[in-house]
Amino acid sequence: MSTLGATGTGTSGSTGRMFHQSAINFNKMNTNNLNYDYSSVMHYGRSFFASSFGADTIAPIPDSSVPIGQRNGMSYLDILRINRLYKCK
């Protein structure tokens, strides 16, 4: 059985199935009217999915020099987003 792959071509391999099953990850979500948070603890680093060490796979738009992804703790917007989600004051 053939599935639609990430490049739009039919594939019978697991990559095509994985893309199809993960398509929901690309749906727009409600952000509670907060800006995009490049410094979120949930954001991947710029080379996280690289097949060669250190190669960038994610670049912020419009300013590609903005640091992204960190593991030092929750960002200000992480905390604000959770407080809004759970209606904390």
N, C-alpha and C. Protein backbone atom coordinates (compact mmCIF):
# COMPACT_ATOMS: atom_id res chain seq x y z
N MET A 1 0.84 -1.18 0.00
CA MET A 1 0.00 0.00 0.00
C MET A 1 0.89 1.24 0.00
N SER A 2 0.55 2.23 -0.77
CA SER A 2 1.34 3.44 -0.91
C SER A 2 0.74 4.56 -0.07
N THR A 3 1.62 5.36 0.56
CA THR A 3 1.17 6.51 1.33
C THR A 3 1.86 7.76 0.82
N LEU A 4 1.32 8.91 1.15
CA LEU A 4 1.90 10.17 0.71
C LEU A 4 3.06 10.53 1.61
N GLY A 5 4.24 10.73 1.02
CA GLY A 5 5.44 11.08 1.79
C GLY A 5 5.59 12.58 1.96
N ALA A 6 6.61 12.98 2.68
CA ALA A 6 6.84 14.39 2.99
C ALA A 6 7.09 15.21 1.73
N THR A 7 7.64 14.59 0.70
CA THR A 7 7.93 15.33 -0.52
C THR A 7 6.75 15.34 -1.48
N GLY A 8 5.67 14.67 -1.09
CA GLY A 8 4.50 14.62 -1.95
C GLY A 8 4.52 13.45 -2.92
N THR A 9 5.51 12.58 -2.78
CA THR A 9 5.58 11.41 -3.65
C THR A 9 5.07 10.20 -2.91
N GLY A 10 4.52 9.25 -3.61
CA GLY A 10 4.03 8.04 -2.99
C GLY A 10 5.19 7.17 -2.55
N THR A 11 5.10 6.63 -1.32
CA THR A 11 6.13 5.73 -0.84
C THR A 11 5.46 4.55 -0.17
N SER A 12 6.17 3.46 -0.12
CA SER A 12 5.64 2.32 0.61
C SER A 12 6.46 2.07 1.86
N GLY A 13 7.46 2.93 2.13
CA GLY A 13 8.32 2.77 3.30
C GLY A 13 7.72 3.42 4.53
N SER A 14 8.39 3.23 5.67
CA SER A 14 7.89 3.75 6.94
C SER A 14 7.94 5.27 7.00
N THR A 15 8.84 5.92 6.26
CA THR A 15 8.93 7.38 6.29
C THR A 15 7.62 8.02 5.84
N GLY A 16 7.02 7.51 4.79
CA GLY A 16 5.75 8.04 4.31
C GLY A 16 4.65 7.86 5.32
N ARG A 17 4.58 6.70 5.95
CA ARG A 17 3.56 6.45 6.98
C ARG A 17 3.78 7.35 8.18
N MET A 18 5.04 7.53 8.58
CA MET A 18 5.34 8.37 9.73
C MET A 18 4.89 9.80 9.47
N PHE A 19 5.18 10.33 8.27
CA PHE A 19 4.77 11.69 7.94
C PHE A 19 3.25 11.80 7.98
N HIS A 20 2.57 10.84 7.39
CA HIS A 20 1.11 10.88 7.34
C HIS A 20 0.53 10.85 8.76
N GLN A 21 1.07 10.01 9.63
CA GLN A 21 0.57 9.90 11.01
C GLN A 21 0.93 11.12 11.84
N SER A 22 1.99 11.83 11.48
CA SER A 22 2.43 13.00 12.23
C SER A 22 1.89 14.31 11.66
N ALA A 23 1.06 14.24 10.64
CA ALA A 23 0.57 15.45 9.97
C ALA A 23 -0.17 16.37 10.94
N ILE A 24 -0.80 15.82 11.98
CA ILE A 24 -1.52 16.66 12.95
C ILE A 24 -0.58 17.62 13.65
N ASN A 25 0.72 17.30 13.74
CA ASN A 25 1.69 18.18 14.37
C ASN A 25 1.86 19.49 13.62
N PHE A 26 1.39 19.55 12.39
CA PHE A 26 1.54 20.74 11.58
C PHE A 26 0.26 21.58 11.51
N ASN A 27 -0.78 21.17 12.24
CA ASN A 27 -2.01 21.95 12.31
C ASN A 27 -1.78 23.19 13.16
N LYS A 28 -2.43 24.30 12.82
CA LYS A 28 -2.32 25.51 13.63
C LYS A 28 -3.08 25.28 14.93
N MET A 29 -2.50 25.78 16.01
CA MET A 29 -3.07 25.58 17.33
C MET A 29 -3.37 26.93 17.98
N ASN A 30 -4.27 26.92 18.96
CA ASN A 30 -4.58 28.10 19.73
C ASN A 30 -3.39 28.41 20.63
N THR A 31 -2.86 29.61 20.55
CA THR A 31 -1.69 30.00 21.35
C THR A 31 -2.08 30.93 22.50
N ASN A 32 -3.35 31.03 22.79
CA ASN A 32 -3.84 31.93 23.84
C ASN A 32 -3.37 33.36 23.63
N ASN A 33 -3.28 33.75 22.37
CA ASN A 33 -2.91 35.11 21.97
C ASN A 33 -1.52 35.52 22.47
N LEU A 34 -0.59 34.56 22.54
CA LEU A 34 0.79 34.83 22.95
C LEU A 34 1.71 34.69 21.75
N ASN A 35 2.80 35.43 21.74
CA ASN A 35 3.77 35.36 20.65
C ASN A 35 4.44 33.99 20.60
N TYR A 36 5.02 33.68 19.44
CA TYR A 36 5.77 32.45 19.28
C TYR A 36 6.98 32.50 20.21
N ASP A 37 7.27 31.41 20.89
CA ASP A 37 8.31 31.39 21.91
C ASP A 37 9.51 30.54 21.46
N TYR A 38 10.50 31.20 20.86
CA TYR A 38 11.71 30.50 20.42
C TYR A 38 12.50 29.97 21.61
N SER A 39 12.37 30.57 22.78
CA SER A 39 13.15 30.16 23.93
C SER A 39 12.40 29.19 24.84
N SER A 40 11.29 28.64 24.36
CA SER A 40 10.53 27.68 25.14
C SER A 40 11.37 26.43 25.42
N VAL A 41 11.18 25.88 26.60
CA VAL A 41 11.85 24.63 26.95
C VAL A 41 11.35 23.49 26.04
N MET A 42 10.20 23.68 25.41
CA MET A 42 9.63 22.67 24.52
C MET A 42 10.13 22.79 23.07
N HIS A 43 10.87 23.84 22.77
CA HIS A 43 11.33 24.07 21.40
C HIS A 43 12.60 23.27 21.13
N TYR A 44 12.66 22.60 20.01
CA TYR A 44 13.87 21.88 19.62
C TYR A 44 14.98 22.87 19.29
N GLY A 45 16.21 22.45 19.49
CA GLY A 45 17.36 23.25 19.09
C GLY A 45 17.51 23.27 17.58
N ARG A 46 18.30 24.20 17.09
CA ARG A 46 18.40 24.40 15.63
C ARG A 46 19.00 23.21 14.89
N SER A 47 19.76 22.35 15.55
CA SER A 47 20.36 21.21 14.85
C SER A 47 19.84 19.88 15.36
N PHE A 48 18.72 19.87 16.04
CA PHE A 48 18.21 18.67 16.70
C PHE A 48 17.98 17.50 15.75
N PHE A 49 17.49 17.72 14.57
CA PHE A 49 17.17 16.64 13.63
C PHE A 49 18.23 16.46 12.55
N ALA A 50 19.41 17.02 12.74
CA ALA A 50 20.46 16.99 11.71
C ALA A 50 21.00 15.57 11.52
N SER A 51 21.24 15.23 10.27
CA SER A 51 21.86 13.93 9.97
C SER A 51 23.38 14.03 10.06
N SER A 52 23.92 15.24 9.99
CA SER A 52 25.35 15.44 10.21
C SER A 52 25.52 16.43 11.37
N PHE A 53 26.47 16.16 12.24
CA PHE A 53 26.66 16.92 13.47
C PHE A 53 26.78 18.43 13.20
N GLY A 54 25.96 19.21 13.90
CA GLY A 54 26.05 20.66 13.83
C GLY A 54 25.29 21.33 12.70
N ALA A 55 24.72 20.57 11.78
CA ALA A 55 23.99 21.16 10.66
C ALA A 55 22.64 21.69 11.15
N ASP A 56 22.27 22.88 10.72
CA ASP A 56 20.98 23.45 11.09
C ASP A 56 19.84 22.77 10.35
N THR A 57 18.78 22.46 11.09
CA THR A 57 17.57 21.91 10.47
C THR A 57 16.36 22.80 10.73
N ILE A 58 16.49 23.71 11.70
CA ILE A 58 15.42 24.65 12.04
C ILE A 58 16.03 26.04 12.06
N ALA A 59 15.40 26.99 11.38
CA ALA A 59 15.90 28.36 11.36
C ALA A 59 14.74 29.32 11.61
N PRO A 60 14.86 30.19 12.62
CA PRO A 60 13.80 31.17 12.88
C PRO A 60 13.62 32.13 11.71
N ILE A 61 12.37 32.50 11.47
CA ILE A 61 12.04 33.46 10.41
C ILE A 61 11.39 34.66 11.09
N PRO A 62 11.72 35.86 10.82
CA PRO A 62 12.57 36.36 9.75
C PRO A 62 14.03 36.48 10.15
N ASP A 63 14.37 36.35 11.45
CA ASP A 63 15.75 36.55 11.91
C ASP A 63 16.37 35.20 12.29
N SER A 64 17.19 34.65 11.40
CA SER A 64 17.76 33.33 11.64
C SER A 64 18.83 33.32 12.72
N SER A 65 19.22 34.49 13.23
CA SER A 65 20.24 34.54 14.28
C SER A 65 19.65 34.42 15.69
N VAL A 66 18.32 34.41 15.81
CA VAL A 66 17.67 34.29 17.12
C VAL A 66 18.00 32.93 17.71
N PRO A 67 18.45 32.88 18.98
CA PRO A 67 18.71 31.58 19.61
C PRO A 67 17.39 30.83 19.81
N ILE A 68 17.41 29.54 19.58
CA ILE A 68 16.19 28.73 19.76
C ILE A 68 16.50 27.49 20.57
N GLY A 69 15.51 27.04 21.31
CA GLY A 69 15.64 25.84 22.11
C GLY A 69 16.62 26.02 23.25
N GLN A 70 16.24 25.59 24.43
CA GLN A 70 17.13 25.63 25.58
C GLN A 70 16.61 24.63 26.60
N ARG A 71 17.45 24.22 27.51
CA ARG A 71 17.06 23.23 28.51
C ARG A 71 17.39 23.71 29.93
N ASN A 72 17.41 25.05 30.12
CA ASN A 72 17.75 25.61 31.43
C ASN A 72 16.53 25.76 32.33
N GLY A 73 15.36 25.69 31.78
CA GLY A 73 14.13 25.86 32.55
C GLY A 73 13.07 26.51 31.69
N MET A 74 11.89 26.64 32.26
CA MET A 74 10.77 27.20 31.52
C MET A 74 11.00 28.68 31.23
N SER A 75 10.62 29.10 30.04
CA SER A 75 10.72 30.51 29.67
C SER A 75 9.55 31.28 30.30
N TYR A 76 9.64 32.60 30.24
CA TYR A 76 8.56 33.44 30.73
C TYR A 76 7.25 33.08 30.03
N LEU A 77 7.30 32.91 28.70
CA LEU A 77 6.07 32.58 27.95
C LEU A 77 5.59 31.17 28.23
N ASP A 78 6.49 30.22 28.53
CA ASP A 78 6.06 28.87 28.95
C ASP A 78 5.17 28.99 30.19
N ILE A 79 5.65 29.73 31.16
CA ILE A 79 4.91 29.89 32.42
C ILE A 79 3.60 30.62 32.19
N LEU A 80 3.63 31.69 31.42
CA LEU A 80 2.41 32.45 31.13
C LEU A 80 1.39 31.58 30.38
N ARG A 81 1.86 30.80 29.42
CA ARG A 81 0.97 29.94 28.64
C ARG A 81 0.30 28.88 29.53
N ILE A 82 1.05 28.28 30.44
CA ILE A 82 0.48 27.29 31.35
C ILE A 82 -0.51 27.93 32.32
N ASN A 83 -0.17 29.11 32.83
CA ASN A 83 -1.09 29.81 33.73
C ASN A 83 -2.40 30.13 33.02
N ARG A 84 -2.34 30.55 31.77
CA ARG A 84 -3.57 30.84 31.02
C ARG A 84 -4.35 29.57 30.72
N LEU A 85 -3.64 28.51 30.37
CA LEU A 85 -4.29 27.24 30.04
C LEU A 85 -5.09 26.71 31.23
N TYR A 86 -4.50 26.79 32.43
CA TYR A 86 -5.16 26.27 33.63
C TYR A 86 -5.88 27.34 34.44
N LYS A 87 -6.00 28.54 33.84
CA LYS A 87 -6.73 29.65 34.45
C LYS A 87 -6.21 30.00 35.84
N CYS A 88 -4.89 30.03 35.97
CA CYS A 88 -4.23 30.43 37.22
C CYS A 88 -4.07 31.95 37.25
N LYS A 89 -4.04 32.51 38.43
CA LYS A 89 -3.88 33.97 38.57
C LYS A 89 -2.58 34.29 39.25
